[in-house]
Amino acid sequence: MPTGDAGYDWAVSVADPSSLSPAIQDYLKAVFLLSEDRGGEEGVTGGRIAEELGVTAPSVSNMLDRLQGLGYLETADDGSDRRAGVCLTEAGRRVALAVVRHHRLLETYLVRRLGMTWDEVHREAEVLEHHISETLAERMADALGHPERDPHGHPIPGADGTIPPPAGVPLIDLPLGTTGRIERVSDRDSDLLRYLADRGLVPQAEVQVIDVAPFGGPITVRVGESALVDVPPGAAEALEITL
């Protein structure tokens, strides 16, 4: 299991994943991202991986067995109970970090240098991330001035494998009156990103919780100094706030 602050220590050098199939890269990245969402403290179950990748449970089970055999994954307990989930080995973290680094650098490059909008770049990066070398990734990082975060606020792993642990709290979990700053936004839904951008709900924007409607209703936030925005629960789950 990863160790360190908040159960996190990704300080291992990234690997070049180009010799591995896109499917293997996708699985290792999915385990990393799902673990990242929980601070790296728990194993990731096959069900969560299936939902993340949009594949069947038998496909996930077969791939998890294969990745354990290759030394990229291990069970999150003593190996006796798959229901406890899996976690990345050091070799698996090296590959996952490289794929995440490529993805987030690509998103940043596409926005900053090619003028694409933040709702367009995730899908493009999902394809391109499998086909660039770490040498090209480092050239992009140099050209961009070694950015620390991508356009959605997600931290970009360094070439040495360092990455800060998640520090934000989902907006939906904040009590009335809380003030904070948007740290990062889920990049999985292009329509949601356009919705949030139109309302100024972007990384580094300051927000204050003004009202929380009962029975799963919207959360009203003040954006900046004046604008009031009603945020539906699904969107509030996608916004992480630092206090």
Protein backbone atom coordinates (compact mmCIF):
# COMPACT_ATOMS: atom_id res chain seq x y z
CA MET A 1 0.00 0.00 0.00
CA PRO A 2 1.16 3.61 -0.52
CA THR A 3 2.39 5.30 2.61
CA GLY A 4 3.08 8.81 3.81
CA ASP A 5 0.93 11.84 4.61
CA ALA A 6 -2.75 10.99 4.20
CA GLY A 7 -1.73 7.49 3.15
CA TYR A 8 0.15 8.95 0.18
CA ASP A 9 3.69 8.70 -1.13
CA TRP A 10 3.99 8.80 -4.89
CA ALA A 11 7.67 9.86 -4.80
CA VAL A 12 8.91 7.32 -7.34
CA SER A 13 10.27 8.10 -10.78
CA VAL A 14 7.76 7.83 -13.59
CA ALA A 15 8.22 5.06 -16.15
CA ASP A 16 7.86 5.10 -19.93
CA PRO A 17 4.59 3.21 -20.54
CA SER A 18 4.90 3.13 -24.33
CA SER A 19 5.75 -0.59 -24.39
CA LEU A 20 2.48 -1.44 -22.62
CA SER A 21 -0.90 -1.72 -24.30
CA PRO A 22 -3.36 1.18 -23.97
CA ALA A 23 -5.66 -1.15 -22.01
CA ILE A 24 -3.01 -1.83 -19.37
CA GLN A 25 -2.24 1.88 -19.16
CA ASP A 26 -5.94 2.67 -18.74
CA TYR A 27 -6.39 0.17 -15.92
CA LEU A 28 -3.36 1.37 -13.98
CA LYS A 29 -4.40 4.98 -14.44
CA ALA A 30 -7.93 4.14 -13.29
CA VAL A 31 -6.63 2.52 -10.09
CA PHE A 32 -4.49 5.58 -9.44
CA LEU A 33 -7.31 8.06 -10.03
CA LEU A 34 -9.82 6.13 -7.93
CA SER A 35 -7.26 5.81 -5.14
CA GLU A 36 -6.41 9.51 -5.48
CA ASP A 37 -10.07 10.38 -4.94
CA ARG A 38 -9.85 8.73 -1.52
CA GLY A 39 -6.40 10.01 -0.56
CA GLY A 40 -4.72 6.72 -1.44
CA GLU A 41 -5.90 5.13 1.79
CA GLU A 42 -8.07 2.27 0.48
CA GLY A 43 -7.97 -0.50 -2.06
CA VAL A 44 -9.91 -0.02 -5.27
CA THR A 45 -12.60 -2.59 -5.97
CA GLY A 46 -13.30 -4.22 -9.30
CA GLY A 47 -16.77 -2.70 -9.35
CA ARG A 48 -15.40 0.82 -9.13
CA ILE A 49 -12.90 0.08 -11.89
CA ALA A 50 -15.64 -1.34 -14.12
CA GLU A 51 -17.72 1.79 -13.61
CA GLU A 52 -14.75 4.08 -14.26
CA LEU A 53 -13.76 2.37 -17.51
CA GLY A 54 -17.23 1.34 -18.70
CA VAL A 55 -16.35 -2.35 -18.99
CA THR A 56 -17.86 -5.57 -17.66
CA ALA A 57 -17.04 -7.16 -14.31
CA PRO A 58 -15.57 -10.33 -15.91
CA SER A 59 -13.27 -8.19 -18.07
CA VAL A 60 -12.07 -6.34 -14.99
CA SER A 61 -11.48 -9.56 -13.06
CA ASN A 62 -9.40 -11.03 -15.89
CA MET A 63 -7.31 -7.88 -16.27
CA LEU A 64 -6.73 -7.54 -12.52
CA ASP A 65 -5.41 -11.11 -12.43
CA ARG A 66 -3.13 -10.32 -15.36
CA LEU A 67 -1.82 -7.09 -13.81
CA GLN A 68 -1.13 -8.84 -10.52
CA GLY A 69 0.79 -11.51 -12.40
CA LEU A 70 2.84 -8.78 -14.12
CA GLY A 71 3.63 -7.19 -10.76
CA TYR A 72 1.71 -3.95 -11.29
CA LEU A 73 -1.06 -4.57 -8.72
CA GLU A 74 -1.43 -6.27 -5.38
CA THR A 75 -4.40 -6.94 -3.15
CA ALA A 76 -5.03 -4.29 -0.54
CA ASP A 77 -4.95 -6.81 2.33
CA ASP A 78 -3.01 -10.05 2.87
CA GLY A 79 -4.14 -11.46 -0.47
CA SER A 80 -7.00 -13.55 0.87
CA ASP A 81 -9.93 -11.32 -0.06
CA ARG A 82 -10.30 -9.66 -3.49
CA ARG A 83 -13.32 -7.74 -2.15
CA ALA A 84 -10.86 -5.56 -0.22
CA GLY A 85 -9.71 -4.22 -3.57
CA VAL A 86 -6.35 -3.74 -5.23
CA CYS A 87 -3.62 -1.14 -5.02
CA LEU A 88 -0.65 -0.26 -7.18
CA THR A 89 2.78 -1.74 -6.57
CA GLU A 90 5.77 0.56 -7.02
CA ALA A 91 6.09 -0.62 -10.62
CA GLY A 92 2.39 0.05 -11.17
CA ARG A 93 2.65 3.52 -9.66
CA ARG A 94 5.53 4.37 -11.98
CA VAL A 95 3.45 3.54 -15.03
CA ALA A 96 0.25 5.14 -13.72
CA LEU A 97 2.07 8.35 -12.84
CA ALA A 98 3.55 8.56 -16.33
CA VAL A 99 0.15 8.14 -17.99
CA VAL A 100 -1.44 10.71 -15.66
CA ARG A 101 1.49 13.08 -16.28
CA HIS A 102 1.13 12.73 -20.04
CA HIS A 103 -2.64 13.25 -19.88
CA ARG A 104 -2.50 16.39 -17.76
CA LEU A 105 0.40 17.91 -19.68
CA LEU A 106 -1.45 17.27 -22.93
CA GLU A 107 -4.60 18.96 -21.61
CA THR A 108 -2.53 21.95 -20.52
CA TYR A 109 -0.70 22.15 -23.84
CA LEU A 110 -3.90 21.91 -25.87
CA VAL A 111 -5.48 24.75 -23.89
CA ARG A 112 -2.48 27.06 -23.64
CA ARG A 113 -0.82 26.54 -27.01
CA LEU A 114 -3.64 25.42 -29.32
CA GLY A 115 -6.44 27.48 -27.82
CA MET A 116 -8.80 24.60 -27.14
CA THR A 117 -11.38 25.00 -24.39
CA TRP A 118 -11.24 23.03 -21.16
CA ASP A 119 -14.28 20.96 -22.12
CA GLU A 120 -12.62 19.75 -25.37
CA VAL A 121 -9.25 18.53 -24.18
CA HIS A 122 -10.03 15.54 -21.97
CA ARG A 123 -11.19 13.33 -24.83
CA GLU A 124 -8.20 14.29 -26.98
CA ALA A 125 -5.75 13.63 -24.14
CA GLU A 126 -7.36 10.23 -23.48
CA VAL A 127 -6.22 9.17 -26.96
CA LEU A 128 -2.86 10.91 -27.15
CA GLU A 129 -1.62 9.97 -23.66
CA HIS A 130 -0.76 6.44 -24.83
CA HIS A 131 1.43 7.55 -27.70
CA ILE A 132 3.90 10.10 -26.37
CA SER A 133 7.24 9.34 -24.78
CA GLU A 134 8.46 10.74 -21.50
CA THR A 135 11.03 12.69 -23.54
CA LEU A 136 8.24 14.47 -25.43
CA ALA A 137 6.31 14.98 -22.20
CA GLU A 138 9.35 16.68 -20.68
CA ARG A 139 9.71 18.90 -23.78
CA MET A 140 6.07 19.95 -23.39
CA ALA A 141 6.64 20.63 -19.69
CA ASP A 142 9.65 22.81 -20.56
CA ALA A 143 7.67 24.72 -23.19
CA LEU A 144 4.84 25.32 -20.69
CA GLY A 145 7.14 26.40 -17.86
CA HIS A 146 6.59 23.21 -15.85
CA PRO A 147 2.98 23.85 -14.80
CA GLU A 148 1.87 22.35 -11.50
CA ARG A 149 -1.81 21.92 -12.44
CA ASP A 150 -3.83 21.22 -15.55
CA PRO A 151 -6.74 23.41 -16.77
CA HIS A 152 -9.15 21.58 -14.45
CA GLY A 153 -6.97 22.12 -11.39
CA HIS A 154 -5.61 18.57 -11.14
CA PRO A 155 -1.96 18.34 -10.04
CA ILE A 156 0.52 17.28 -12.71
CA PRO A 157 2.99 14.64 -11.49
CA GLY A 158 6.61 15.69 -11.77
CA ALA A 159 9.13 13.70 -13.76
CA ASP A 160 10.43 12.46 -10.41
CA GLY A 161 7.01 11.06 -9.55
CA THR A 162 6.08 13.58 -6.87
CA ILE A 163 2.48 14.72 -6.63
CA PRO A 164 0.66 16.45 -3.78
CA PRO A 165 -2.20 14.60 -2.07
CA PRO A 166 -5.75 15.80 -2.71
CA ALA A 167 -6.63 18.64 -0.34
CA GLY A 168 -10.09 19.71 -1.44
CA VAL A 169 -13.53 18.92 -0.06
CA PRO A 170 -16.48 18.33 -2.44
CA LEU A 171 -18.79 21.35 -2.49
CA ILE A 172 -21.74 19.09 -1.74
CA ASP A 173 -20.20 18.24 1.67
CA LEU A 174 -19.70 21.85 2.83
CA PRO A 175 -21.98 23.38 5.48
CA LEU A 176 -23.85 26.65 5.15
CA GLY A 177 -21.62 29.72 5.35
CA THR A 178 -18.41 27.99 4.33
CA THR A 179 -16.01 30.06 2.23
CA GLY A 180 -13.26 28.57 0.10
CA ARG A 181 -11.58 28.43 -3.28
CA ILE A 182 -12.25 25.94 -6.07
CA GLU A 183 -9.22 23.67 -6.23
CA ARG A 184 -10.16 21.29 -9.01
CA VAL A 185 -13.08 20.17 -11.15
CA SER A 186 -13.84 16.72 -12.52
CA ASP A 187 -12.96 16.65 -16.22
CA ARG A 188 -15.03 13.60 -17.20
CA ASP A 189 -18.16 15.40 -18.48
CA SER A 190 -17.79 18.01 -21.23
CA ASP A 191 -21.34 19.30 -20.82
CA LEU A 192 -20.75 19.81 -17.10
CA LEU A 193 -17.51 21.70 -17.75
CA ARG A 194 -19.30 24.09 -20.12
CA TYR A 195 -22.07 24.56 -17.53
CA LEU A 196 -19.57 25.37 -14.79
CA ALA A 197 -17.47 27.70 -16.97
CA ASP A 198 -20.55 29.70 -17.96
CA ARG A 199 -21.18 30.33 -14.25
CA GLY A 200 -17.62 31.18 -13.29
CA LEU A 201 -17.14 27.94 -11.34
CA VAL A 202 -13.54 27.35 -12.37
CA PRO A 203 -10.31 26.61 -10.47
CA GLN A 204 -9.17 29.43 -8.16
CA ALA A 205 -12.61 31.07 -8.08
CA GLU A 206 -13.70 32.02 -4.56
CA VAL A 207 -17.07 30.67 -3.43
CA GLN A 208 -19.27 30.93 -0.35
CA VAL A 209 -22.13 28.57 0.50
CA ILE A 210 -25.21 30.80 0.87
CA ASP A 211 -28.02 28.25 0.98
CA VAL A 212 -28.46 24.48 0.95
CA ALA A 213 -31.87 23.38 -0.31
CA PRO A 214 -33.45 20.41 1.50
CA PHE A 215 -34.15 16.98 0.04
CA GLY A 216 -31.18 16.97 -2.32
CA GLY A 217 -31.91 20.34 -3.87
CA PRO A 218 -29.33 22.78 -5.28
CA ILE A 219 -26.62 24.52 -3.30
CA THR A 220 -26.56 28.29 -3.72
CA VAL A 221 -23.08 29.78 -3.73
CA ARG A 222 -21.71 33.26 -4.12
CA VAL A 223 -19.00 33.31 -6.78
CA GLY A 224 -16.47 36.05 -6.18
CA GLU A 225 -18.00 39.13 -4.60
CA SER A 226 -21.46 39.21 -6.09
CA ALA A 227 -22.78 36.50 -8.44
CA LEU A 228 -25.18 33.96 -6.90
CA VAL A 229 -25.30 30.55 -8.59
CA ASP A 230 -27.54 27.55 -7.89
CA VAL A 231 -25.38 24.44 -8.22
CA PRO A 232 -27.20 21.12 -8.77
CA PRO A 233 -26.05 18.21 -6.57
CA GLY A 234 -24.30 16.43 -9.45
CA ALA A 235 -22.26 19.52 -10.24
CA ALA A 236 -21.55 20.14 -6.54
CA GLU A 237 -20.00 16.67 -6.30
CA ALA A 238 -17.61 17.54 -9.14
CA LEU A 239 -16.23 20.69 -7.47
CA GLU A 240 -13.49 20.34 -4.85
CA ILE A 241 -12.97 23.29 -2.53
CA THR A 242 -9.97 24.23 -0.38
CA LEU A 243 -10.88 26.08 2.80
